[in-house]
Amino acid sequence: MALRNPVIVTGFYRSGTSLLYALLNGHPRVALMYECSVWEMPSAFARIRYRRNWLERQEFYNKALSRHRLIFGDGFRGLEKVRTPEDLYRVYAQTRNAEIWGEKSPLYGPHLRRLAEQNPLAGFILVWRNPVETYRSVLSAGRGARFFRRNMLSRLILSHEEMIRQAAELEKAGRRIAHVAYDDLVDRPAEVCRNLCEFLEIDFDERMLDLRLADLSAIDSAGHHDHLRRRAIERRVVHESAVHPATMAKLQRFRKRWRRLRGVAEAEATKNVEEPGALERFWHRMAGRWLISLDAIRRTLFELLPLGWLRSYRQTKGWFLAHRHQPATADHSLGKQIRHHSLTLVVCAALLILAASVDRLAGPSVTFAPLYALPVGAMALLVNRAWGTGAAVVCALVWSFTKIPLVEASAGIFLWNTAMRFLLLEIIVRLIDRIRIEAAFDDLDCN
């Protein structure tokens, strides 16, 4: 059975898929796209998706088109006939005069079966790495990228479980699948590349092994790709202490299970290790599926919600999460902070007492909500966000207690209203905290 397009390269994050992508794209007949994740959208919405401005949304989602130099600026000239992901792959391959096209994306690991159904002629290349090393690299990447701090352990376990199970099903059905071990990729790259060329039914080309010639422009500028940008095929060493011992033991248990399921010889490190029990497997399967379901909902919203809403959401989120190191202060301990900000604490306490007293005397017919925001805002502006949040909790409780004999006799109503009041005050805290940070840095810039 001859291999046809598309070719899908996948494996969990930080398992060597980017290195493999660079090596494969070094062949003049291969043009794989890098993490467009065009198949991430749930198949139930596919028909709706392709009738809409899906290319514009794809660019907004992860800049897939501009990263691959298919568009410049806001125009989509030259892509008028692109209706499906396969069309997009073909257009990119044409820009490189290549015959083999497809995509590399870690997101596809748990979805091999669905991809095979949507692409009956596709071939798959799966990358496998020691899960302890993978998770260690994930933690290292998480120091600079928030994405890798999103409960990656259950994602890793579910991804491996599904890749093993679904790959076995596809191979049994006669689908073409190639397996690549990370250790072989970095230790014997020439052998791996020759085997993959045979899998792709193309002649081996020595240029695949020279990363100095590799086009890495589609790869984002995140720090965890700096090792690849050194353009040397070598193993990245991450410090042993990066993984907690309990997590390492868990991954070793799963490693032993996965090697058995794949028919790979048992590793020396797991010979005296028990495989994970049914309860442990069930927990991570449920947790992983829940996380992947949330990802699917998020991706669907990016396709269905108005782009104006999404742009505003992204701009607001970026403003809140802008990574700025605050100026260093000597007020680290709680005692020092209390002594340093004692006057602020006294004034804020007086403001809260005043707000509660006035609110109590006025009765339920008149609201004095802004008065409760004064101590909260002062704490966030003059101290920091943590103190502002603490003030929000206290103010929300006091605000609710002033209403108990009046309208909030029910415990359920009391708890609900307290939560809603805290939410309102916490929004004020977050906004004022960002103003405080901006003002502090503006002041530093002026000096």
Protein backbone atom coordinates (compact mmCIF):
# COMPACT_ATOMS: atom_id res chain seq x y z
CA MET A 1 0.00 0.00 0.00
CA ALA A 2 1.62 3.25 -1.16
CA LEU A 3 1.74 6.07 1.35
CA ARG A 4 -0.34 9.10 0.42
CA ASN A 5 -0.70 12.59 1.86
CA PRO A 6 -1.17 14.03 4.37
CA VAL A 7 1.63 12.94 6.69
CA ILE A 8 0.92 13.62 10.37
CA VAL A 9 3.81 13.82 12.86
CA THR A 10 2.83 13.76 16.51
CA GLY A 11 4.00 12.90 20.00
CA PHE A 12 3.60 14.58 23.35
CA TYR A 13 5.04 18.05 23.96
CA ARG A 14 8.81 18.16 24.53
CA SER A 15 9.30 14.66 23.13
CA GLY A 16 11.41 15.64 20.11
CA THR A 17 8.70 16.34 17.54
CA SER A 18 10.15 19.76 16.65
CA LEU A 19 13.57 18.25 16.01
CA LEU A 20 12.02 15.57 13.81
CA TYR A 21 10.02 18.23 11.96
CA ALA A 22 13.22 20.15 11.20
CA LEU A 23 14.99 17.01 9.94
CA LEU A 24 12.10 15.90 7.74
CA ASN A 25 11.62 19.36 6.25
CA GLY A 26 15.31 19.34 5.36
CA HIS A 27 14.36 16.99 2.52
CA PRO A 28 13.52 18.97 -0.64
CA ARG A 29 10.48 16.78 -1.34
CA VAL A 30 8.91 17.26 2.14
CA ALA A 31 6.95 20.29 3.36
CA LEU A 32 5.25 19.76 6.69
CA MET A 33 3.52 22.66 8.42
CA TYR A 34 4.39 23.39 12.03
CA GLU A 35 1.68 23.22 14.72
CA CYS A 36 -1.15 24.78 12.77
CA SER A 37 -3.49 22.42 14.66
CA VAL A 38 -6.07 22.76 11.91
CA TRP A 39 -7.62 19.41 12.87
CA GLU A 40 -7.98 20.38 16.54
CA MET A 41 -11.55 21.53 15.90
CA PRO A 42 -14.14 18.87 16.92
CA SER A 43 -15.37 17.12 13.77
CA ALA A 44 -19.03 17.81 14.68
CA PHE A 45 -18.50 21.48 13.78
CA ALA A 46 -16.45 20.91 10.62
CA ARG A 47 -19.21 21.76 8.16
CA ILE A 48 -20.05 24.99 9.96
CA ARG A 49 -16.39 25.87 10.27
CA TYR A 50 -15.45 25.65 6.59
CA ARG A 51 -18.40 27.75 5.55
CA ARG A 52 -17.12 30.60 7.67
CA ASN A 53 -13.93 32.71 7.66
CA TRP A 54 -11.90 29.82 9.04
CA LEU A 55 -8.60 30.99 7.54
CA GLU A 56 -8.91 34.37 9.24
CA ARG A 57 -9.73 32.64 12.50
CA GLN A 58 -6.85 30.19 12.07
CA GLU A 59 -4.45 33.11 11.68
CA PHE A 60 -5.94 34.83 14.72
CA TYR A 61 -5.72 31.63 16.76
CA ASN A 62 -2.02 30.83 16.32
CA LYS A 63 -0.67 32.89 13.37
CA ALA A 64 -0.32 29.71 11.34
CA LEU A 65 -0.52 31.48 7.97
CA SER A 66 1.94 34.30 8.65
CA ARG A 67 4.38 31.93 10.41
CA HIS A 68 4.53 29.88 7.20
CA ARG A 69 4.77 33.01 5.03
CA LEU A 70 1.50 32.29 3.28
CA ILE A 71 0.17 35.78 4.02
CA PHE A 72 1.70 39.16 4.75
CA GLY A 73 -0.31 41.70 6.71
CA ASP A 74 -4.07 41.30 6.90
CA GLY A 75 -4.73 40.15 3.34
CA PHE A 76 -5.43 36.55 2.26
CA ARG A 77 -4.49 36.96 -1.36
CA GLY A 78 -3.54 33.68 -2.99
CA LEU A 79 -5.58 31.60 -0.56
CA GLU A 80 -8.99 32.19 -2.17
CA LYS A 81 -9.34 28.54 -3.18
CA VAL A 82 -8.28 27.11 0.16
CA ARG A 83 -11.37 25.43 1.57
CA THR A 84 -9.99 22.64 3.77
CA PRO A 85 -6.82 21.82 5.74
CA GLU A 86 -5.66 19.61 2.84
CA ASP A 87 -5.87 22.63 0.53
CA LEU A 88 -3.77 24.61 2.99
CA TYR A 89 -1.14 21.86 3.15
CA ARG A 90 -0.99 21.72 -0.66
CA VAL A 91 -0.55 25.47 -1.00
CA TYR A 92 2.32 25.43 1.49
CA ALA A 93 3.94 22.48 -0.30
CA GLN A 94 3.70 24.37 -3.59
CA THR A 95 5.67 27.27 -2.11
CA ARG A 96 8.51 24.79 -1.46
CA ASN A 97 8.05 22.69 -4.62
CA ALA A 98 7.49 19.66 -2.42
CA GLU A 99 5.39 16.55 -3.00
CA ILE A 100 4.86 15.30 0.55
CA TRP A 101 2.79 17.53 2.78
CA GLY A 102 1.06 17.43 6.13
CA GLU A 103 1.65 18.75 9.61
CA LYS A 104 3.50 18.26 12.86
CA SER A 105 1.45 18.89 16.01
CA PRO A 106 1.56 17.41 19.55
CA LEU A 107 -2.19 18.01 19.87
CA TYR A 108 -3.01 15.10 17.58
CA GLY A 109 -1.66 12.32 19.81
CA PRO A 110 -4.99 11.42 21.49
CA HIS A 111 -6.93 11.80 18.20
CA LEU A 112 -5.26 9.36 15.80
CA ARG A 113 -8.47 7.48 15.10
CA ARG A 114 -10.41 10.63 14.25
CA LEU A 115 -7.62 11.89 12.01
CA ALA A 116 -7.52 8.56 10.21
CA GLU A 117 -11.27 8.70 9.60
CA GLN A 118 -11.03 12.27 8.27
CA ASN A 119 -7.94 11.45 6.17
CA PRO A 120 -8.27 7.87 4.87
CA LEU A 121 -4.94 8.00 3.00
CA ALA A 122 -2.88 9.67 5.73
CA GLY A 123 0.32 8.29 7.18
CA PHE A 124 1.39 8.81 10.77
CA ILE A 125 4.82 9.25 12.37
CA LEU A 126 4.74 8.89 16.17
CA VAL A 127 7.56 10.08 18.43
CA TRP A 128 8.16 8.35 21.77
CA ARG A 129 10.34 9.52 24.63
CA ASN A 130 10.99 8.41 28.19
CA PRO A 131 8.04 10.05 30.04
CA VAL A 132 10.27 11.13 32.93
CA GLU A 133 12.54 13.01 30.53
CA THR A 134 9.51 14.43 28.74
CA TYR A 135 7.90 15.69 31.91
CA ARG A 136 11.20 17.10 33.14
CA SER A 137 11.46 19.07 29.89
CA VAL A 138 7.84 20.20 30.25
CA LEU A 139 8.57 21.59 33.72
CA SER A 140 11.63 23.36 32.41
CA ALA A 141 9.61 24.92 29.58
CA GLY A 142 6.97 25.96 32.10
CA ARG A 143 9.38 28.41 33.70
CA GLY A 144 9.04 30.61 30.66
CA ALA A 145 5.73 29.60 29.07
CA ARG A 146 2.39 29.53 30.90
CA PHE A 147 1.07 26.87 28.53
CA PHE A 148 3.32 24.23 30.09
CA ARG A 149 1.96 24.93 33.57
CA ARG A 150 -1.55 23.68 32.68
CA ASN A 151 -1.82 20.32 34.52
CA MET A 152 0.45 18.60 32.02
CA LEU A 153 0.90 15.35 33.97
CA SER A 154 -2.60 13.99 33.28
CA ARG A 155 -2.38 15.26 29.70
CA LEU A 156 0.87 13.36 29.22
CA ILE A 157 -0.52 10.14 30.65
CA LEU A 158 -3.75 10.27 28.65
CA SER A 159 -1.89 11.16 25.46
CA HIS A 160 0.42 8.16 25.76
CA GLU A 161 -2.40 5.79 26.67
CA GLU A 162 -4.47 6.91 23.68
CA MET A 163 -1.54 6.96 21.25
CA ILE A 164 -0.65 3.37 22.14
CA ARG A 165 -4.24 2.11 21.95
CA GLN A 166 -5.28 3.96 18.81
CA ALA A 167 -2.01 3.29 16.97
CA ALA A 168 -2.50 -0.43 17.59
CA GLU A 169 -6.03 -0.22 16.18
CA LEU A 170 -4.88 1.62 13.07
CA GLU A 171 -2.00 -0.77 12.45
CA LYS A 172 -4.37 -3.69 12.79
CA ALA A 173 -6.58 -2.03 10.17
CA GLY A 174 -3.63 -1.81 7.78
CA ARG A 175 -2.79 1.87 8.19
CA ARG A 176 0.82 2.96 7.75
CA ILE A 177 2.43 4.12 11.00
CA ALA A 178 6.11 4.77 11.72
CA HIS A 179 7.47 4.85 15.26
CA VAL A 180 10.48 7.00 16.24
CA ALA A 181 12.26 6.75 19.59
CA TYR A 182 13.72 10.02 20.86
CA ASP A 183 16.93 8.29 21.92
CA ASP A 184 17.44 6.99 18.37
CA LEU A 185 16.59 10.41 16.95
CA VAL A 186 19.40 12.18 18.83
CA ASP A 187 21.91 9.31 18.92
CA ARG A 188 21.40 7.85 15.42
CA PRO A 189 19.70 10.57 13.34
CA ALA A 190 21.02 9.25 10.03
CA GLU A 191 19.49 5.82 10.65
CA VAL A 192 16.15 7.35 11.69
CA CYS A 193 16.04 9.63 8.65
CA ARG A 194 16.85 6.76 6.28
CA ASN A 195 14.08 4.64 7.79
CA LEU A 196 11.59 7.49 7.49
CA CYS A 197 12.57 8.13 3.89
CA GLU A 198 11.85 4.49 3.22
CA PHE A 199 8.52 4.89 5.01
CA LEU A 200 7.73 7.96 2.87
CA GLU A 201 9.00 6.16 -0.25
CA ILE A 202 11.54 8.82 -1.14
CA ASP A 203 15.30 8.73 -1.50
CA PHE A 204 17.38 9.73 1.49
CA ASP A 205 18.96 13.19 1.24
CA GLU A 206 22.03 14.15 3.31
CA ARG A 207 20.68 17.67 3.74
CA MET A 208 18.20 16.29 6.28
CA LEU A 209 21.02 15.91 8.80
CA ASP A 210 22.34 19.46 8.50
CA LEU A 211 20.26 21.67 10.81
CA ARG A 212 22.25 24.67 9.66
CA LEU A 213 20.17 24.49 6.48
CA ALA A 214 16.86 23.95 8.29
CA ASP A 215 14.09 26.52 7.95
CA LEU A 216 12.91 27.19 11.51
CA SER A 217 10.94 30.33 10.71
CA ALA A 218 7.55 28.71 11.43
CA ILE A 219 8.61 27.83 14.99
CA ASP A 220 7.61 30.43 17.56
CA SER A 221 10.24 32.40 19.46
CA ALA A 222 9.58 30.81 22.88
CA GLY A 223 12.64 30.10 24.99
CA HIS A 224 12.07 26.34 25.11
CA HIS A 225 13.00 26.20 21.40
CA ASP A 226 16.41 27.82 21.96
CA HIS A 227 18.07 24.41 22.13
CA LEU A 228 16.81 23.57 18.63
CA ARG A 229 17.95 26.94 17.34
CA ARG A 230 21.49 26.00 18.24
CA ARG A 231 21.13 23.79 15.14
CA ALA A 232 22.90 20.82 16.67
CA ILE A 233 21.38 17.35 17.01
CA GLU A 234 22.04 16.63 20.66
CA ARG A 235 20.24 15.71 23.82
CA ARG A 236 19.12 18.54 26.08
CA VAL A 237 20.07 17.90 29.70
CA VAL A 238 17.58 19.04 32.35
CA HIS A 239 18.45 18.90 36.05
CA GLU A 240 17.31 15.74 37.87
CA SER A 241 15.58 17.64 40.69
CA ALA A 242 13.04 19.16 38.28
CA VAL A 243 10.59 16.28 38.82
CA HIS A 244 9.18 15.52 42.27
CA PRO A 245 10.15 12.00 43.45
CA ALA A 246 6.48 10.92 43.77
CA THR A 247 5.76 12.09 40.22
CA MET A 248 8.89 10.39 38.95
CA ALA A 249 7.81 7.12 40.58
CA LYS A 250 4.37 7.47 38.98
CA LEU A 251 5.86 8.05 35.53
CA GLN A 252 8.16 5.06 35.95
CA ARG A 253 5.12 2.90 36.71
CA PHE A 254 3.40 4.12 33.56
CA ARG A 255 6.60 3.80 31.58
CA LYS A 256 6.75 0.10 32.42
CA ARG A 257 3.12 -0.34 31.33
CA TRP A 258 3.59 1.57 28.09
CA ARG A 259 6.67 -0.33 27.03
CA ARG A 260 4.84 -3.61 27.64
CA LEU A 261 1.81 -2.47 25.64
CA ARG A 262 4.02 -1.37 22.76
CA GLY A 263 5.99 -4.61 22.81
CA VAL A 264 9.25 -2.83 23.68
CA ALA A 265 11.85 -4.48 25.90
CA GLU A 266 11.59 -3.51 29.55
CA ALA A 267 13.88 -0.70 30.67
CA GLU A 268 16.52 -1.39 33.30
CA ALA A 269 15.13 1.42 35.49
CA THR A 270 11.68 -0.20 35.74
CA LYS A 271 12.54 -3.86 36.36
CA ASN A 272 11.60 -3.66 40.05
CA VAL A 273 8.68 -1.28 39.50
CA GLU A 274 5.00 -2.23 39.66
CA GLU A 275 2.67 -1.04 36.91
CA PRO A 276 0.00 1.52 37.89
CA GLY A 277 -3.20 0.13 39.36
CA ALA A 278 -6.66 0.42 37.83
CA LEU A 279 -7.68 3.28 40.13
CA GLU A 280 -4.58 5.32 39.27
CA ARG A 281 -5.13 4.77 35.53
CA PHE A 282 -8.81 5.66 35.85
CA TRP A 283 -8.06 8.90 37.71
CA HIS A 284 -5.59 10.17 35.13
CA ARG A 285 -7.80 9.07 32.26
CA MET A 286 -10.74 11.05 33.63
CA ALA A 287 -8.57 14.06 34.50
CA GLY A 288 -6.91 13.99 31.10
CA ARG A 289 -10.21 13.70 29.24
CA TRP A 290 -11.63 16.60 31.24
CA LEU A 291 -8.65 18.80 30.35
CA ILE A 292 -8.82 17.84 26.67
CA SER A 293 -12.56 18.52 26.67
CA LEU A 294 -11.90 22.01 28.01
CA ASP A 295 -9.36 22.51 25.20
CA ALA A 296 -11.97 21.42 22.65
CA ILE A 297 -14.53 23.85 24.08
CA ARG A 298 -11.98 26.65 23.98
CA ARG A 299 -11.06 25.84 20.37
CA THR A 300 -14.73 25.71 19.38
CA LEU A 301 -15.34 29.13 20.90
CA PHE A 302 -12.45 30.50 18.85
CA GLU A 303 -14.28 29.30 15.74
CA LEU A 304 -17.83 30.31 16.60
CA LEU A 305 -17.72 33.51 18.66
CA PRO A 306 -17.51 36.88 16.86
CA LEU A 307 -13.91 37.82 16.11
CA GLY A 308 -14.46 41.23 17.71
CA TRP A 309 -15.24 39.54 21.02
CA LEU A 310 -12.20 37.29 20.74
CA ARG A 311 -9.84 40.15 19.95
CA SER A 312 -11.12 42.14 22.92
CA TYR A 313 -10.77 39.08 25.16
CA ARG A 314 -7.20 38.46 24.04
CA GLN A 315 -6.19 42.09 24.45
CA THR A 316 -7.69 42.25 27.94
CA LYS A 317 -6.10 38.97 28.96
CA GLY A 318 -2.73 40.10 27.64
CA TRP A 319 -2.99 43.33 29.60
CA PHE A 320 -3.75 41.47 32.83
CA LEU A 321 -1.10 38.81 32.33
CA ALA A 322 1.66 41.02 30.94
CA HIS A 323 4.87 39.63 32.45
CA ARG A 324 6.54 42.44 34.30
CA HIS A 325 8.85 42.03 37.27
CA GLN A 326 7.84 44.46 39.93
CA PRO A 327 10.49 46.68 41.55
CA ALA A 328 12.16 44.92 44.44
CA THR A 329 11.10 45.95 47.93
CA ALA A 330 12.36 45.07 51.36
CA ASP A 331 8.84 44.21 52.64
CA HIS A 332 8.94 40.46 52.27
CA SER A 333 7.79 39.14 55.66
CA LEU A 334 4.24 39.66 56.94
CA GLY A 335 5.46 41.48 60.02
CA LYS A 336 7.52 43.95 57.99
CA GLN A 337 4.60 44.59 55.67
CA ILE A 338 2.23 45.27 58.58
CA ARG A 339 4.72 47.69 60.17
CA HIS A 340 5.49 49.42 56.91
CA HIS A 341 1.83 49.82 55.88
CA SER A 342 0.34 50.29 59.36
CA LEU A 343 -1.19 53.66 58.54
CA THR A 344 -2.79 52.27 55.36
CA LEU A 345 -4.25 49.34 57.32
CA VAL A 346 -5.71 51.65 59.98
CA VAL A 347 -7.26 54.00 57.41
CA CYS A 348 -8.72 51.09 55.39
CA ALA A 349 -10.18 49.55 58.56
CA ALA A 350 -11.77 52.90 59.42
CA LEU A 351 -13.21 53.17 55.90
CA LEU A 352 -14.73 49.69 56.22
CA ILE A 353 -16.28 50.49 59.63
CA LEU A 354 -17.69 53.71 58.18
CA ALA A 355 -19.14 51.91 55.15
CA ALA A 356 -20.75 49.18 57.29
CA SER A 357 -22.18 51.71 59.76
CA VAL A 358 -23.72 53.91 57.08
CA ASP A 359 -25.05 50.89 55.21
CA ARG A 360 -26.58 49.48 58.38
CA LEU A 361 -28.29 52.73 59.35
CA ALA A 362 -29.64 53.41 55.85
CA GLY A 363 -31.42 50.05 55.59
CA PRO A 364 -31.96 47.82 52.56
CA SER A 365 -33.58 50.50 50.37
CA VAL A 366 -30.35 52.45 49.82
CA THR A 367 -27.05 51.02 48.55
CA PHE A 368 -23.56 52.16 49.49
CA ALA A 369 -21.63 49.61 47.43
CA PRO A 370 -18.87 52.04 46.30
CA LEU A 371 -17.94 52.64 49.96
CA TYR A 372 -16.89 48.99 50.31
CA ALA A 373 -14.67 49.38 47.24
CA LEU A 374 -12.66 52.18 48.87
CA PRO A 375 -10.65 50.08 51.39
CA VAL A 376 -10.24 47.31 48.83
CA GLY A 377 -8.93 49.68 46.17
CA ALA A 378 -6.64 51.41 48.64
CA MET A 379 -5.09 48.10 49.70
CA ALA A 380 -4.52 47.01 46.10
CA LEU A 381 -3.05 50.36 45.11
CA LEU A 382 -0.93 51.18 48.14
CA VAL A 383 0.19 47.68 49.20
CA ASN A 384 -0.26 44.86 46.67
CA ARG A 385 -2.78 42.48 45.13
CA ALA A 386 -2.56 39.89 47.90
CA TRP A 387 -3.56 42.45 50.51
CA GLY A 388 -6.28 43.74 48.19
CA THR A 389 -7.73 40.24 47.83
CA GLY A 390 -7.65 39.77 51.61
CA ALA A 391 -9.46 43.08 52.02
CA ALA A 392 -12.02 41.94 49.43
CA VAL A 393 -12.78 38.82 51.48
CA VAL A 394 -13.21 40.85 54.70
CA CYS A 395 -15.30 43.54 53.02
CA ALA A 396 -17.56 40.99 51.31
CA LEU A 397 -18.22 39.27 54.65
CA VAL A 398 -18.86 42.53 56.53
CA TRP A 399 -21.09 43.74 53.68
CA SER A 400 -23.18 40.58 53.93
CA PHE A 401 -23.34 40.57 57.74
CA THR A 402 -24.79 44.08 57.73
CA LYS A 403 -27.74 42.68 55.74
CA ILE A 404 -28.48 39.50 57.73
CA PRO A 405 -31.37 40.79 59.88
CA LEU A 406 -32.73 42.71 56.92
CA VAL A 407 -32.90 40.54 53.80
CA GLU A 408 -30.31 37.76 54.06
CA ALA A 409 -31.60 35.49 56.82
CA SER A 410 -31.20 32.41 54.60
CA ALA A 411 -27.77 30.76 54.75
CA GLY A 412 -27.92 30.01 51.01
CA ILE A 413 -28.70 33.63 50.14
CA PHE A 414 -25.96 34.82 52.51
CA LEU A 415 -23.31 32.60 50.90
CA TRP A 416 -24.39 33.44 47.36
CA ASN A 417 -24.46 37.20 47.93
CA THR A 418 -21.12 37.09 49.76
CA ALA A 419 -19.54 35.27 46.82
CA MET A 420 -20.99 37.76 44.32
CA ARG A 421 -19.78 40.70 46.37
CA PHE A 422 -16.30 39.20 46.66
CA LEU A 423 -16.22 38.63 42.89
CA LEU A 424 -17.11 42.27 42.25
CA LEU A 425 -14.48 43.52 44.70
CA GLU A 426 -11.83 41.14 43.35
CA ILE A 427 -12.35 42.51 39.84
CA ILE A 428 -11.64 45.96 41.25
CA VAL A 429 -8.52 44.57 42.98
CA ARG A 430 -7.20 43.09 39.72
CA LEU A 431 -7.77 46.29 37.78
CA ILE A 432 -6.17 48.53 40.38
CA ASP A 433 -3.24 46.15 40.81
CA ARG A 434 -2.47 46.42 37.10
CA ILE A 435 -2.70 50.21 37.37
CA ARG A 436 -0.26 50.08 40.30
CA ILE A 437 2.22 47.97 38.30
CA GLU A 438 1.94 50.20 35.24
CA ALA A 439 2.42 53.32 37.37
CA ALA A 440 5.47 51.81 39.09
CA PHE A 441 7.15 51.02 35.78
CA ASP A 442 6.26 54.37 34.28
CA ASP A 443 7.93 55.96 37.28
CA LEU A 444 11.04 53.81 36.78
CA ASP A 445 11.14 54.74 33.10
CA CYS A 446 10.94 58.43 33.98
CA ASN A 447 13.83 58.08 36.38
